[in-house]
C-alpha atoms as a PDB file:
ATOM      1  CA  MET A   1      -2.196 102.506 -60.110  1.00  0.00           C
ATOM      2  CA  SER A   2      -1.341  99.755 -62.535  1.00  0.00           C
ATOM      3  CA  THR A   3      -2.595 100.253 -66.063  1.00  0.00           C
ATOM      4  CA  ALA A   4      -1.850  96.695 -67.103  1.00  0.00           C
ATOM      5  CA  ARG A   5      -4.662  94.773 -68.760  1.00  0.00           C
ATOM      6  CA  PRO A   6      -6.169  92.095 -66.512  1.00  0.00           C
ATOM      7  CA  PRO A   7      -4.955  88.809 -68.026  1.00  0.00           C
ATOM      8  CA  ASP A   8      -8.427  87.507 -68.806  1.00  0.00           C
ATOM      9  CA  ALA A   9      -9.824  90.733 -70.250  1.00  0.00           C
ATOM     10  CA  ASN A  10      -9.937  91.771 -73.878  1.00  0.00           C
ATOM     11  CA  ALA A  11      -9.504  95.452 -73.080  1.00  0.00           C
ATOM     12  CA  PRO A  12      -8.886  97.595 -70.020  1.00  0.00           C
ATOM     13  CA  VAL A  13     -12.003  98.475 -68.080  1.00  0.00           C
ATOM     14  CA  ARG A  14     -11.593 101.888 -66.478  1.00  0.00           C
ATOM     15  CA  SER A  15     -13.672 102.811 -63.492  1.00  0.00           C
ATOM     16  CA  THR A  16     -13.628 105.216 -60.584  1.00  0.00           C
ATOM     17  CA  PRO A  17     -12.985 103.921 -57.070  1.00  0.00           C
ATOM     18  CA  ARG A  18     -16.042 102.211 -55.643  1.00  0.00           C
ATOM     19  CA  ASP A  19     -16.889 100.259 -52.532  1.00  0.00           C
ATOM     20  CA  PHE A  20     -17.032  96.648 -53.646  1.00  0.00           C
ATOM     21  CA  ALA A  21     -17.973  95.643 -50.100  1.00  0.00           C
ATOM     22  CA  PRO A  22     -17.571  97.348 -46.704  1.00  0.00           C
ATOM     23  CA  GLY A  23     -13.887  98.083 -46.249  1.00  0.00           C
ATOM     24  CA  LEU A  24     -12.966  96.902 -49.743  1.00  0.00           C
ATOM     25  CA  VAL A  25     -12.458  99.429 -52.571  1.00  0.00           C
ATOM     26  CA  VAL A  26     -11.761  98.590 -56.231  1.00  0.00           C
ATOM     27  CA  GLN A  27     -10.871 100.727 -59.234  1.00  0.00           C
ATOM     28  CA  GLY A  28      -9.592 100.171 -62.757  1.00  0.00           C
ATOM     29  CA  PHE A  29     -11.263  96.804 -63.352  1.00  0.00           C
ATOM     30  CA  THR A  30     -14.529  94.960 -62.898  1.00  0.00           C
ATOM     31  CA  PRO A  31     -14.389  92.054 -60.416  1.00  0.00           C
ATOM     32  CA  PRO A  32     -14.039  89.192 -60.342  1.00  0.00           C
ATOM     33  CA  LEU A  33     -10.736  88.266 -61.955  1.00  0.00           C
ATOM     34  CA  ARG A  34      -9.500  84.677 -62.089  1.00  0.00           C
ATOM     35  CA  LEU A  35      -6.717  83.845 -59.659  1.00  0.00           C
ATOM     36  CA  ARG A  36      -5.368  81.195 -62.022  1.00  0.00           C
ATOM     37  CA  ASP A  37      -4.722  83.832 -64.689  1.00  0.00           C
ATOM     38  CA  PHE A  38      -1.908  85.178 -62.498  1.00  0.00           C
ATOM     39  CA  GLY A  39       1.426  83.400 -62.070  1.00  0.00           C
ATOM     40  CA  LEU A  40       3.228  85.448 -59.408  1.00  0.00           C
ATOM     41  CA  ALA A  41       2.225  87.199 -56.196  1.00  0.00           C
ATOM     42  CA  ALA A  42       4.724  89.676 -54.709  1.00  0.00           C
ATOM     43  CA  PHE A  43       4.293  90.764 -51.098  1.00  0.00           C
ATOM     44  CA  ASP A  44       5.845  93.437 -48.937  1.00  0.00           C
ATOM     45  CA  MET A  45       6.539  92.186 -45.405  1.00  0.00           C
ATOM     46  CA  ASP A  46       6.409  94.869 -42.683  1.00  0.00           C
ATOM     47  CA  SER A  47       2.823  95.981 -41.942  1.00  0.00           C
ATOM     48  CA  THR A  48       1.642  93.872 -44.900  1.00  0.00           C
ATOM     49  CA  LEU A  49       2.343  90.204 -44.242  1.00  0.00           C
ATOM     50  CA  ILE A  50       3.249  90.920 -40.614  1.00  0.00           C
ATOM     51  CA  ASN A  51       1.848  93.244 -37.964  1.00  0.00           C
ATOM     52  CA  ILE A  52       4.939  95.329 -37.165  1.00  0.00           C
ATOM     53  CA  GLU A  53       7.676  97.479 -38.678  1.00  0.00           C
ATOM     54  CA  CYS A  54      10.703  95.445 -37.626  1.00  0.00           C
ATOM     55  CA  VAL A  55      13.128  98.374 -37.693  1.00  0.00           C
ATOM     56  CA  ASP A  56      10.955 100.253 -35.186  1.00  0.00           C
ATOM     57  CA  GLU A  57      10.795  97.285 -32.827  1.00  0.00           C
ATOM     58  CA  ILE A  58      14.561  96.712 -33.011  1.00  0.00           C
ATOM     59  CA  ALA A  59      15.029 100.393 -32.201  1.00  0.00           C
ATOM     60  CA  ALA A  60      12.942  99.923 -29.047  1.00  0.00           C
ATOM     61  CA  ALA A  61      15.749  97.739 -27.676  1.00  0.00           C
ATOM     62  CA  ALA A  62      18.078 100.724 -28.045  1.00  0.00           C
ATOM     63  CA  GLY A  63      15.585 103.145 -26.504  1.00  0.00           C
ATOM     64  CA  ARG A  64      15.159 104.903 -29.856  1.00  0.00           C
ATOM     65  CA  LYS A  65      11.823 103.608 -31.110  1.00  0.00           C
ATOM     66  CA  GLU A  66      10.079 106.995 -31.181  1.00  0.00           C
ATOM     67  CA  GLN A  67      12.865 108.558 -33.233  1.00  0.00           C
ATOM     68  CA  VAL A  68      13.082 105.674 -35.708  1.00  0.00           C
ATOM     69  CA  ALA A  69       9.317 105.205 -35.996  1.00  0.00           C
ATOM     70  CA  ALA A  70       8.867 108.860 -36.967  1.00  0.00           C
ATOM     71  CA  ILE A  71      11.258 108.379 -39.905  1.00  0.00           C
ATOM     72  CA  THR A  72       9.573 105.114 -40.882  1.00  0.00           C
ATOM     73  CA  GLU A  73       6.129 106.708 -40.886  1.00  0.00           C
ATOM     74  CA  ALA A  74       7.290 109.620 -43.044  1.00  0.00           C
ATOM     75  CA  ALA A  75       8.992 107.259 -45.494  1.00  0.00           C
ATOM     76  CA  MET A  76       5.933 105.013 -45.797  1.00  0.00           C
ATOM     77  CA  ARG A  77       3.701 108.023 -46.398  1.00  0.00           C
ATOM     78  CA  GLY A  78       5.968 109.122 -49.250  1.00  0.00           C
ATOM     79  CA  GLU A  79       7.121 112.265 -47.478  1.00  0.00           C
ATOM     80  CA  ILE A  80      10.826 111.377 -47.743  1.00  0.00           C
ATOM     81  CA  ALA A  81      12.198 111.440 -51.276  1.00  0.00           C
ATOM     82  CA  ASP A  82      15.398 109.479 -50.573  1.00  0.00           C
ATOM     83  CA  TYR A  83      14.270 106.148 -49.112  1.00  0.00           C
ATOM     84  CA  LYS A  84      17.821 104.764 -49.057  1.00  0.00           C
ATOM     85  CA  ALA A  85      19.079 107.666 -46.977  1.00  0.00           C
ATOM     86  CA  SER A  86      16.145 107.315 -44.589  1.00  0.00           C
ATOM     87  CA  LEU A  87      16.861 103.617 -44.088  1.00  0.00           C
ATOM     88  CA  ARG A  88      20.570 104.218 -43.529  1.00  0.00           C
ATOM     89  CA  ALA A  89      19.665 106.834 -40.907  1.00  0.00           C
ATOM     90  CA  ARG A  90      17.350 104.402 -39.126  1.00  0.00           C
ATOM     91  CA  VAL A  91      19.839 101.533 -39.237  1.00  0.00           C
ATOM     92  CA  ALA A  92      22.557 103.791 -37.813  1.00  0.00           C
ATOM     93  CA  LEU A  93      20.322 104.275 -34.769  1.00  0.00           C
ATOM     94  CA  LEU A  94      20.250 100.493 -34.240  1.00  0.00           C
ATOM     95  CA  GLU A  95      23.968 100.331 -33.454  1.00  0.00           C
ATOM     96  CA  GLY A  96      24.670  98.182 -30.408  1.00  0.00           C
ATOM     97  CA  VAL A  97      21.414  96.198 -30.430  1.00  0.00           C
ATOM     98  CA  SER A  98      22.139  92.513 -29.856  1.00  0.00           C
ATOM     99  CA  VAL A  99      21.078  89.624 -32.061  1.00  0.00           C
ATOM    100  CA  ALA A 100      19.333  88.258 -28.950  1.00  0.00           C
ATOM    101  CA  SER A 101      17.162  91.381 -28.878  1.00  0.00           C
ATOM    102  CA  MET A 102      16.202  90.830 -32.538  1.00  0.00           C
ATOM    103  CA  GLU A 103      15.314  87.256 -31.686  1.00  0.00           C
ATOM    104  CA  GLN A 104      13.038  88.585 -28.975  1.00  0.00           C
ATOM    105  CA  VAL A 105      11.315  90.871 -31.480  1.00  0.00           C
ATOM    106  CA  TYR A 106      10.628  87.856 -33.675  1.00  0.00           C
ATOM    107  CA  THR A 107       9.346  85.619 -30.903  1.00  0.00           C
ATOM    108  CA  THR A 108       7.335  88.123 -28.850  1.00  0.00           C
ATOM    109  CA  ARG A 109       6.259  90.978 -31.130  1.00  0.00           C
ATOM    110  CA  LEU A 110       5.969  89.653 -34.682  1.00  0.00           C
ATOM    111  CA  GLN A 111       2.725  88.059 -35.835  1.00  0.00           C
ATOM    112  CA  LEU A 112       1.337  87.268 -39.261  1.00  0.00           C
ATOM    113  CA  ASN A 113      -1.447  89.629 -40.254  1.00  0.00           C
ATOM    114  CA  PRO A 114      -4.973  88.179 -40.402  1.00  0.00           C
ATOM    115  CA  GLY A 115      -5.674  86.278 -43.597  1.00  0.00           C
ATOM    116  CA  ALA A 116      -2.001  86.029 -44.617  1.00  0.00           C
ATOM    117  CA  GLU A 117      -1.837  82.255 -44.423  1.00  0.00           C
ATOM    118  CA  ALA A 118      -5.202  81.824 -46.184  1.00  0.00           C
ATOM    119  CA  LEU A 119      -4.245  84.125 -49.068  1.00  0.00           C
ATOM    120  CA  VAL A 120      -0.819  82.513 -49.502  1.00  0.00           C
ATOM    121  CA  ALA A 121      -2.423  79.055 -49.494  1.00  0.00           C
ATOM    122  CA  ALA A 122      -4.940  80.116 -52.143  1.00  0.00           C
ATOM    123  CA  CYS A 123      -2.161  81.481 -54.354  1.00  0.00           C
ATOM    124  CA  LYS A 124      -0.248  78.215 -54.032  1.00  0.00           C
ATOM    125  CA  ASP A 125      -3.361  76.178 -54.800  1.00  0.00           C
ATOM    126  CA  ALA A 126      -3.761  78.238 -57.987  1.00  0.00           C
ATOM    127  CA  GLY A 127      -0.228  77.295 -59.046  1.00  0.00           C
ATOM    128  CA  MET A 128       1.293  80.722 -58.411  1.00  0.00           C
ATOM    129  CA  LYS A 129       4.861  81.448 -57.324  1.00  0.00           C
ATOM    130  CA  LEU A 130       5.439  83.716 -54.336  1.00  0.00           C
ATOM    131  CA  LEU A 131       7.917  86.583 -53.951  1.00  0.00           C
ATOM    132  CA  LEU A 132       8.673  88.294 -50.641  1.00  0.00           C
ATOM    133  CA  VAL A 133      10.313  91.647 -51.354  1.00  0.00           C
ATOM    134  CA  SER A 134      11.013  93.955 -48.445  1.00  0.00           C
ATOM    135  CA  GLY A 135      12.835  97.067 -47.355  1.00  0.00           C
ATOM    136  CA  GLY A 136      13.320  95.171 -44.090  1.00  0.00           C
ATOM    137  CA  PHE A 137      15.950  92.682 -43.083  1.00  0.00           C
ATOM    138  CA  THR A 138      16.926  89.108 -43.898  1.00  0.00           C
ATOM    139  CA  PHE A 139      16.869  88.196 -40.192  1.00  0.00           C
ATOM    140  CA  PHE A 140      13.073  88.368 -40.470  1.00  0.00           C
ATOM    141  CA  THR A 141      12.346  87.843 -44.171  1.00  0.00           C
ATOM    142  CA  ASP A 142      14.208  84.528 -44.294  1.00  0.00           C
ATOM    143  CA  ARG A 143      12.082  83.232 -41.422  1.00  0.00           C
ATOM    144  CA  ILE A 144       8.817  84.447 -42.939  1.00  0.00           C
ATOM    145  CA  ARG A 145       9.879  82.973 -46.303  1.00  0.00           C
ATOM    146  CA  ASP A 146      10.389  79.570 -44.714  1.00  0.00           C
ATOM    147  CA  ARG A 147       7.316  79.829 -42.489  1.00  0.00           C
ATOM    148  CA  LEU A 148       4.952  80.569 -45.384  1.00  0.00           C
ATOM    149  CA  GLY A 149       6.802  78.697 -48.129  1.00  0.00           C
ATOM    150  CA  PHE A 150       7.754  81.591 -50.406  1.00  0.00           C
ATOM    151  CA  ASP A 151       9.769  80.809 -53.526  1.00  0.00           C
ATOM    152  CA  TYR A 152      11.858  83.996 -53.750  1.00  0.00           C
ATOM    153  CA  THR A 153      12.887  86.802 -51.444  1.00  0.00           C
ATOM    154  CA  ARG A 154      14.802  90.084 -51.542  1.00  0.00           C
ATOM    155  CA  SER A 155      15.624  92.299 -48.540  1.00  0.00           C
ATOM    156  CA  ASN A 156      18.480  93.987 -46.701  1.00  0.00           C
ATOM    157  CA  VAL A 157      21.288  92.475 -44.633  1.00  0.00           C
ATOM    158  CA  LEU A 158      22.171  94.029 -41.284  1.00  0.00           C
ATOM    159  CA  GLU A 159      25.871  93.911 -40.407  1.00  0.00           C
ATOM    160  CA  VAL A 160      26.577  92.091 -37.145  1.00  0.00           C
ATOM    161  CA  VAL A 161      29.882  92.435 -35.272  1.00  0.00           C
ATOM    162  CA  ASN A 162      30.499  90.392 -32.119  1.00  0.00           C
ATOM    163  CA  GLY A 163      26.817  89.596 -31.755  1.00  0.00           C
ATOM    164  CA  LYS A 164      25.628  93.193 -32.070  1.00  0.00           C
ATOM    165  CA  LEU A 165      24.428  95.440 -34.891  1.00  0.00           C
ATOM    166  CA  SER A 166      27.100  97.764 -36.263  1.00  0.00           C
ATOM    167  CA  GLY A 167      24.615 100.362 -37.505  1.00  0.00           C
ATOM    168  CA  ARG A 168      25.379  99.495 -41.120  1.00  0.00           C
ATOM    169  CA  MET A 169      24.043  97.212 -43.846  1.00  0.00           C
ATOM    170  CA  VAL A 170      26.010  94.739 -45.933  1.00  0.00           C
ATOM    171  CA  ASP A 171      26.270  95.490 -49.651  1.00  0.00           C
ATOM    172  CA  GLN A 172      24.795  92.821 -51.927  1.00  0.00           C
ATOM    173  CA  PRO A 173      25.670  91.978 -55.572  1.00  0.00           C
ATOM    174  CA  TRP A 174      22.532  93.787 -56.724  1.00  0.00           C
ATOM    175  CA  GLY A 175      23.152  96.894 -54.600  1.00  0.00           C
ATOM    176  CA  ASP A 176      23.207  98.139 -51.057  1.00  0.00           C
ATOM    177  CA  ILE A 177      19.515  98.623 -50.263  1.00  0.00           C
ATOM    178  CA  CYS A 178      16.234  97.082 -51.374  1.00  0.00           C
ATOM    179  CA  ASP A 179      14.143 100.184 -52.025  1.00  0.00           C
ATOM    180  CA  GLY A 180      11.084 100.774 -54.191  1.00  0.00           C
ATOM    181  CA  GLU A 181      12.985 100.541 -57.458  1.00  0.00           C
ATOM    182  CA  GLU A 182      14.659  97.299 -56.408  1.00  0.00           C
ATOM    183  CA  LYS A 183      11.250  95.883 -55.503  1.00  0.00           C
ATOM    184  CA  ARG A 184      10.017  96.751 -58.981  1.00  0.00           C
ATOM    185  CA  ARG A 185      13.143  95.356 -60.619  1.00  0.00           C
ATOM    186  CA  MET A 186      12.854  92.126 -58.640  1.00  0.00           C
ATOM    187  CA  LEU A 187       9.187  91.692 -59.601  1.00  0.00           C
ATOM    188  CA  LEU A 188       9.972  92.190 -63.290  1.00  0.00           C
ATOM    189  CA  ALA A 189      13.049  89.941 -63.166  1.00  0.00           C
ATOM    190  CA  THR A 190      11.077  87.182 -61.476  1.00  0.00           C
ATOM    191  CA  CYS A 191       8.356  87.468 -64.118  1.00  0.00           C
ATOM    192  CA  THR A 192      11.007  87.116 -66.821  1.00  0.00           C
ATOM    193  CA  GLN A 193      12.522  84.106 -65.062  1.00  0.00           C
ATOM    194  CA  LEU A 194       9.114  82.435 -64.895  1.00  0.00           C
ATOM    195  CA  GLY A 195       8.150  83.334 -68.459  1.00  0.00           C
ATOM    196  CA  LEU A 196       5.341  85.609 -67.288  1.00  0.00           C
ATOM    197  CA  ARG A 197       4.186  89.024 -68.452  1.00  0.00           C
ATOM    198  CA  PRO A 198       4.138  91.712 -65.733  1.00  0.00           C
ATOM    199  CA  ASP A 199       0.345  91.855 -66.010  1.00  0.00           C
ATOM    200  CA  GLN A 200       0.302  88.254 -64.759  1.00  0.00           C
ATOM    201  CA  ALA A 201       1.695  89.418 -61.400  1.00  0.00           C
ATOM    202  CA  ILE A 202      -0.086  90.633 -58.273  1.00  0.00           C
ATOM    203  CA  ALA A 203       1.715  93.087 -55.960  1.00  0.00           C
ATOM    204  CA  VAL A 204       0.605  93.682 -52.359  1.00  0.00           C
ATOM    205  CA  GLY A 205       1.931  96.447 -50.117  1.00  0.00           C
ATOM    206  CA  ASP A 206       1.148  99.276 -47.740  1.00  0.00           C
ATOM    207  CA  GLY A 207       3.807 101.978 -48.109  1.00  0.00           C
ATOM    208  CA  ALA A 208       5.090 104.424 -50.689  1.00  0.00           C
ATOM    209  CA  ASN A 209       8.133 102.253 -51.398  1.00  0.00           C
ATOM    210  CA  ASP A 210       5.725  99.562 -52.668  1.00  0.00           C
ATOM    211  CA  LEU A 211       4.262 101.802 -55.375  1.00  0.00           C
ATOM    212  CA  PRO A 212       6.900 101.078 -58.055  1.00  0.00           C
ATOM    213  CA  MET A 213       6.249  97.320 -57.973  1.00  0.00           C
ATOM    214  CA  MET A 214       2.507  97.855 -57.628  1.00  0.00           C
ATOM    215  CA  GLY A 215       2.568 100.054 -60.714  1.00  0.00           C
ATOM    216  CA  ALA A 216       4.342  97.331 -62.715  1.00  0.00           C
ATOM    217  CA  ALA A 217       1.944  94.527 -61.756  1.00  0.00           C
ATOM    218  CA  GLY A 218      -1.328  93.532 -63.366  1.00  0.00           C
ATOM    219  CA  LEU A 219      -3.177  93.801 -60.063  1.00  0.00           C
ATOM    220  CA  SER A 220      -2.058  96.165 -57.297  1.00  0.00           C
ATOM    221  CA  VAL A 221      -3.345  95.661 -53.765  1.00  0.00           C
ATOM    222  CA  ALA A 222      -3.081  98.061 -50.814  1.00  0.00           C
ATOM    223  CA  TYR A 223      -3.461  96.473 -47.389  1.00  0.00           C
ATOM    224  CA  HIS A 224      -4.396  98.860 -44.543  1.00  0.00           C
ATOM    225  CA  ALA A 225      -2.152 101.225 -46.453  1.00  0.00           C
ATOM    226  CA  LYS A 226      -1.041 104.840 -46.364  1.00  0.00           C
ATOM    227  CA  PRO A 227      -3.403 107.260 -48.153  1.00  0.00           C
ATOM    228  CA  LYS A 228      -1.129 107.707 -51.183  1.00  0.00           C
ATOM    229  CA  VAL A 229      -1.003 103.945 -51.688  1.00  0.00           C
ATOM    230  CA  ARG A 230      -4.745 103.409 -51.225  1.00  0.00           C
ATOM    231  CA  GLU A 231      -5.444 106.057 -53.841  1.00  0.00           C
ATOM    232  CA  GLN A 232      -3.296 104.375 -56.492  1.00  0.00           C
ATOM    233  CA  ALA A 233      -4.042 100.706 -55.837  1.00  0.00           C
ATOM    234  CA  MET A 234      -6.576  98.741 -57.864  1.00  0.00           C
ATOM    235  CA  VAL A 235      -7.768  97.008 -54.684  1.00  0.00           C
ATOM    236  CA  ALA A 236      -7.661  98.656 -51.256  1.00  0.00           C
ATOM    237  CA  ILE A 237      -8.328  96.406 -48.270  1.00  0.00           C
ATOM    238  CA  ASN A 238      -9.165  98.922 -45.568  1.00  0.00           C
ATOM    239  CA  SER A 239     -10.688  96.541 -43.043  1.00  0.00           C
ATOM    240  CA  GLY A 240     -10.386  92.824 -42.430  1.00  0.00           C
ATOM    241  CA  GLY A 241      -7.594  90.477 -43.403  1.00  0.00           C
ATOM    242  CA  LEU A 242      -5.416  89.904 -46.436  1.00  0.00           C
ATOM    243  CA  ASP A 243      -7.672  87.068 -47.557  1.00  0.00           C
ATOM    244  CA  ARG A 244     -10.308  89.657 -48.445  1.00  0.00           C
ATOM    245  CA  LEU A 245      -8.492  89.860 -51.777  1.00  0.00           C
ATOM    246  CA  LEU A 246     -10.166  86.543 -52.570  1.00  0.00           C
ATOM    247  CA  GLU A 247     -13.499  88.388 -52.670  1.00  0.00           C
ATOM    248  CA  VAL A 248     -12.439  89.917 -56.018  1.00  0.00           C
ATOM    249  CA  LEU A 249     -10.582  86.864 -57.327  1.00  0.00           C
ATOM    250  CA  ARG A 250     -12.284  83.603 -58.260  1.00  0.00           C
END
């Protein structure tokens, strides 16, 4: 849970988790906060902005979805200590999947989660910048970035050889894998670039690898999240869409 002071408060207001409304739990602050007091909103992608875990759906094309999904679920629940190793293991199981199959995942399986467009639009209307930071892959994050009009993005690059996945990822200047620590680093670096304090950022996620960036932000939001994430977030949206966050922001 973030301990940052809400930007418009004079002192932190500690509270125990309470039902703000059915399916909406808040802790650590007293709603409402002002959306315009925040300057950056950072979002996870898989199972947060979108309805699927892309790596699992790619694995389905190789007949390995059950095996990959089991690793994904354990990683998101925080039961795997080495996220990078878990992602490398999953990507290795994608070897041989065609780019055409990934295109099919995007066009037939991927949907924006309810309320995603409304929440993003509200953040833009408030003058906020948007960061998409994901342990997923640029094949999907670049498209979601352009579709929703995000300003910044960070994710992983799958290596493609002769139109098919090699089972490896491409190293980037900042490192080989976007894990929880890279998400946190990217949030803080973007705040610095924009001249913002970390407590002027909102971080939204669902899995254990989102906790580092959520802990650095002024407002942490869990969306239909794993138990460990719900427990630590300042806002837990347990039913309804992403735009339910607007019930605690004015």
